[in-house]
Amino acid sequence: MKSLTLLFLATFSFTQFTCAQDETMDVTLPYHEIPEAPEKFTAETVAARMIDGLGYRYYWATDGLRAEDLAFSPSEKGRTVSETMDHVLGLSRTIANGTSSTPNVRGGDQETLTFEEKRKRTLENIKRASDNLRAAEEGAMEDMKIIFQRGENRSEYPFWNNLNGPIADAIWHTGQIVSHRRSSGNPLNPKVSVFSGKNRE
């Protein structure tokens, strides 16, 4: 009887968890599911699909985060989840700007954003990057540059650096958010399927 009671409680808790996760889903934001795949393989569409994978992962990594999750850090010297989101926001801006050769201007005051604003802007930047790549002519990536501008100082890097730099870094840090929210008692929605890019029914 005791075993049956424990099984019932575990099932009830799991059901509550999945329902709570589903209720937080905001379909007005991009990447609650991955977009349809491009019709053909080019350097640009492959990069876009990689960025779409980041978008889907980030959407669900940050879905339903509580105040205690945002404040969580694995150590005193480590970034909190909220600080990690700040970093991914900056990376997403660099990724998007790199698909249109728009300079990343350094310096100036940093804007203070709420959790919802950070999440929305990050997802919109990721979508902008993917859209730019999907719309680009084949071979256009060769001319796409990551540009950093600080006053009169300007440096440029080819799109190669976008792949191994901010895109890979953003995926890495999104994984950290997933790990940290699990440690703070709010694990990722178990319906998420990064392979299919759509949540399981």
Protein backbone atom coordinates (compact mmCIF):
# COMPACT_ATOMS: atom_id res chain seq x y z
CA MET A 1 0.00 0.00 0.00
CA LYS A 2 2.85 2.33 0.89
CA SER A 3 4.48 1.66 -2.51
CA LEU A 4 1.23 2.45 -4.33
CA THR A 5 0.88 5.71 -2.39
CA LEU A 6 4.44 6.74 -3.27
CA LEU A 7 3.86 5.87 -6.93
CA PHE A 8 0.68 7.96 -6.99
CA LEU A 9 2.43 10.94 -5.41
CA ALA A 10 5.34 10.70 -7.83
CA THR A 11 2.98 10.53 -10.82
CA PHE A 12 0.90 13.44 -9.49
CA SER A 13 4.03 15.55 -8.94
CA PHE A 14 5.31 14.78 -12.46
CA THR A 15 1.93 15.71 -13.96
CA GLN A 16 1.88 18.97 -12.02
CA PHE A 17 5.40 19.75 -13.22
CA THR A 18 4.68 19.11 -16.90
CA CYS A 19 1.43 21.07 -16.78
CA ALA A 20 3.15 24.00 -15.11
CA GLN A 21 5.87 23.93 -17.78
CA ASP A 22 3.32 23.85 -20.62
CA GLU A 23 1.35 26.75 -19.14
CA THR A 24 4.42 29.02 -19.30
CA MET A 25 4.98 28.49 -23.03
CA ASP A 26 4.74 31.77 -24.96
CA VAL A 27 4.02 31.05 -28.61
CA THR A 28 4.37 34.75 -29.47
CA LEU A 29 8.12 34.38 -29.00
CA PRO A 30 10.18 32.60 -31.65
CA TYR A 31 11.53 29.09 -31.13
CA HIS A 32 8.91 27.34 -29.03
CA GLU A 33 9.58 24.87 -31.83
CA ILE A 34 12.22 24.81 -34.51
CA PRO A 35 11.21 26.30 -37.90
CA GLU A 36 10.83 24.16 -41.00
CA ALA A 37 14.16 23.17 -42.51
CA PRO A 38 15.41 25.15 -45.51
CA GLU A 39 14.65 23.63 -48.91
CA LYS A 40 18.29 23.20 -49.92
CA PHE A 41 21.70 22.83 -48.37
CA THR A 42 24.03 25.80 -48.69
CA ALA A 43 26.62 27.20 -46.32
CA GLU A 44 24.09 29.89 -45.37
CA THR A 45 21.13 27.56 -44.73
CA VAL A 46 23.25 25.11 -42.74
CA ALA A 47 24.46 27.95 -40.50
CA ALA A 48 20.85 29.16 -40.16
CA ARG A 49 19.72 25.69 -39.07
CA MET A 50 22.51 25.55 -36.48
CA ILE A 51 21.33 28.89 -35.12
CA ASP A 52 17.73 27.61 -35.08
CA GLY A 53 18.92 24.75 -32.88
CA LEU A 54 20.35 27.32 -30.47
CA GLY A 55 17.05 29.21 -30.49
CA TYR A 56 14.98 26.14 -29.58
CA ARG A 57 17.40 25.14 -26.84
CA TYR A 58 17.48 28.66 -25.39
CA TYR A 59 13.70 29.03 -25.48
CA TRP A 60 13.18 25.95 -23.34
CA ALA A 61 16.28 26.41 -21.18
CA THR A 62 14.82 29.76 -20.03
CA ASP A 63 11.13 28.81 -20.02
CA GLY A 64 9.49 29.01 -16.59
CA LEU A 65 12.56 30.18 -14.67
CA ARG A 66 11.81 31.34 -11.14
CA ALA A 67 13.56 34.05 -9.11
CA GLU A 68 15.53 31.40 -7.21
CA ASP A 69 16.66 29.83 -10.50
CA LEU A 70 17.86 33.18 -11.85
CA ALA A 71 19.83 33.80 -8.65
CA PHE A 72 21.41 30.33 -8.64
CA SER A 73 25.16 29.96 -9.08
CA PRO A 74 27.19 26.75 -8.63
CA SER A 75 29.83 28.66 -6.65
CA GLU A 76 30.53 32.08 -5.19
CA LYS A 77 32.80 32.94 -8.11
CA GLY A 78 30.52 31.56 -10.82
CA ARG A 79 27.94 33.44 -12.86
CA THR A 80 24.32 33.29 -11.75
CA VAL A 81 21.75 32.10 -14.28
CA SER A 82 20.66 35.72 -14.73
CA GLU A 83 24.25 36.78 -15.43
CA THR A 84 24.64 33.89 -17.87
CA MET A 85 21.54 35.15 -19.67
CA ASP A 86 23.16 38.59 -19.89
CA HIS A 87 26.17 36.98 -21.54
CA VAL A 88 24.05 34.98 -24.02
CA LEU A 89 22.15 38.18 -24.88
CA GLY A 90 25.44 39.84 -25.82
CA LEU A 91 26.48 36.79 -27.84
CA SER A 92 23.13 36.75 -29.67
CA ARG A 93 23.63 40.37 -30.66
CA THR A 94 27.10 39.60 -32.03
CA ILE A 95 25.75 36.56 -33.90
CA ALA A 96 22.96 38.59 -35.52
CA ASN A 97 25.20 41.54 -36.35
CA GLY A 98 27.68 39.14 -37.94
CA THR A 99 25.06 38.07 -40.48
CA SER A 100 24.66 41.66 -41.71
CA SER A 101 28.21 42.96 -41.08
CA THR A 102 26.79 45.45 -38.56
CA PRO A 103 29.45 46.80 -36.15
CA ASN A 104 29.28 45.79 -32.50
CA VAL A 105 29.89 49.11 -30.78
CA ARG A 106 31.71 48.76 -27.47
CA GLY A 107 31.53 51.15 -24.53
CA GLY A 108 28.67 53.25 -23.20
CA ASP A 109 26.14 52.54 -20.49
CA GLN A 110 24.69 49.05 -20.15
CA GLU A 111 20.92 48.78 -20.26
CA THR A 112 19.13 47.15 -17.31
CA LEU A 113 16.57 44.62 -18.51
CA THR A 114 14.05 42.37 -16.81
CA PHE A 115 14.20 38.60 -17.23
CA GLU A 116 11.36 38.72 -19.77
CA GLU A 117 13.04 41.50 -21.78
CA LYS A 118 16.39 39.70 -21.86
CA ARG A 119 14.76 36.47 -22.97
CA LYS A 120 12.68 38.17 -25.68
CA ARG A 121 15.58 40.17 -27.11
CA THR A 122 17.87 37.15 -27.16
CA LEU A 123 15.33 35.02 -29.02
CA GLU A 124 14.62 37.86 -31.47
CA ASN A 125 18.35 38.30 -32.15
CA ILE A 126 18.72 34.58 -32.81
CA LYS A 127 15.74 34.66 -35.18
CA ARG A 128 17.13 37.72 -36.97
CA ALA A 129 20.43 35.92 -37.54
CA SER A 130 18.68 32.85 -38.95
CA ASP A 131 16.39 34.93 -41.17
CA ASN A 132 19.35 36.89 -42.57
CA LEU A 133 21.16 33.69 -43.46
CA ARG A 134 18.10 32.04 -45.00
CA ALA A 135 17.48 35.09 -47.17
CA ALA A 136 21.11 35.44 -48.25
CA GLU A 137 22.33 34.47 -51.70
CA GLU A 138 24.49 31.39 -51.91
CA GLY A 139 28.08 32.39 -51.20
CA ALA A 140 27.11 35.57 -49.33
CA MET A 141 28.58 34.24 -46.09
CA GLU A 142 32.06 34.81 -47.50
CA ASP A 143 31.47 38.56 -47.22
CA MET A 144 29.78 38.51 -43.79
CA LYS A 145 32.02 40.02 -41.11
CA ILE A 146 32.05 40.23 -37.34
CA ILE A 147 33.02 43.83 -36.66
CA PHE A 148 34.01 45.29 -33.29
CA GLN A 149 34.09 49.06 -32.95
CA ARG A 150 35.41 50.99 -29.96
CA GLY A 151 35.87 54.66 -30.77
CA GLU A 152 38.28 54.86 -33.70
CA ASN A 153 39.48 51.29 -33.22
CA ARG A 154 37.86 48.75 -35.52
CA SER A 155 38.56 45.06 -36.01
CA GLU A 156 36.97 42.63 -38.48
CA TYR A 157 36.75 38.84 -38.54
CA PRO A 158 35.30 36.41 -41.10
CA PHE A 159 32.14 34.38 -40.50
CA TRP A 160 34.32 31.42 -39.47
CA ASN A 161 34.80 33.16 -36.14
CA ASN A 162 31.04 33.44 -35.68
CA LEU A 163 30.76 29.63 -35.88
CA ASN A 164 33.50 28.69 -33.42
CA GLY A 165 33.07 31.85 -31.34
CA PRO A 166 29.70 33.33 -30.30
CA ILE A 167 27.45 30.62 -31.82
CA ALA A 168 29.28 27.74 -30.14
CA ASP A 169 29.66 29.79 -26.97
CA ALA A 170 25.93 30.56 -26.80
CA ILE A 171 25.07 26.86 -27.15
CA TRP A 172 27.56 26.05 -24.39
CA HIS A 173 26.10 28.63 -21.99
CA THR A 174 22.55 27.58 -22.78
CA GLY A 175 23.54 24.11 -21.61
CA GLN A 176 24.83 25.68 -18.39
CA ILE A 177 21.42 27.26 -17.78
CA VAL A 178 19.81 23.82 -18.19
CA SER A 179 22.27 22.31 -15.72
CA HIS A 180 21.89 25.13 -13.20
CA ARG A 181 18.08 25.11 -13.23
CA ARG A 182 18.18 21.39 -12.54
CA SER A 183 20.46 22.06 -9.55
CA SER A 184 18.07 24.73 -8.23
CA GLY A 185 15.13 22.30 -8.35
CA ASN A 186 13.44 23.34 -11.60
CA PRO A 187 14.58 20.91 -14.34
CA LEU A 188 13.99 21.30 -18.05
CA ASN A 189 10.59 20.30 -19.39
CA PRO A 190 10.95 16.55 -20.12
CA LYS A 191 8.91 16.93 -23.32
CA VAL A 192 11.68 18.93 -25.01
CA SER A 193 13.25 17.06 -27.94
CA VAL A 194 16.33 18.79 -29.31
CA PHE A 195 16.61 16.09 -32.01
CA SER A 196 13.20 16.79 -33.58
CA GLY A 197 13.01 20.43 -32.54
CA LYS A 198 9.44 19.94 -31.31
CA ASN A 199 8.19 18.95 -27.89
CA ARG A 200 6.84 15.45 -27.45
CA GLU A 201 3.08 15.09 -27.04
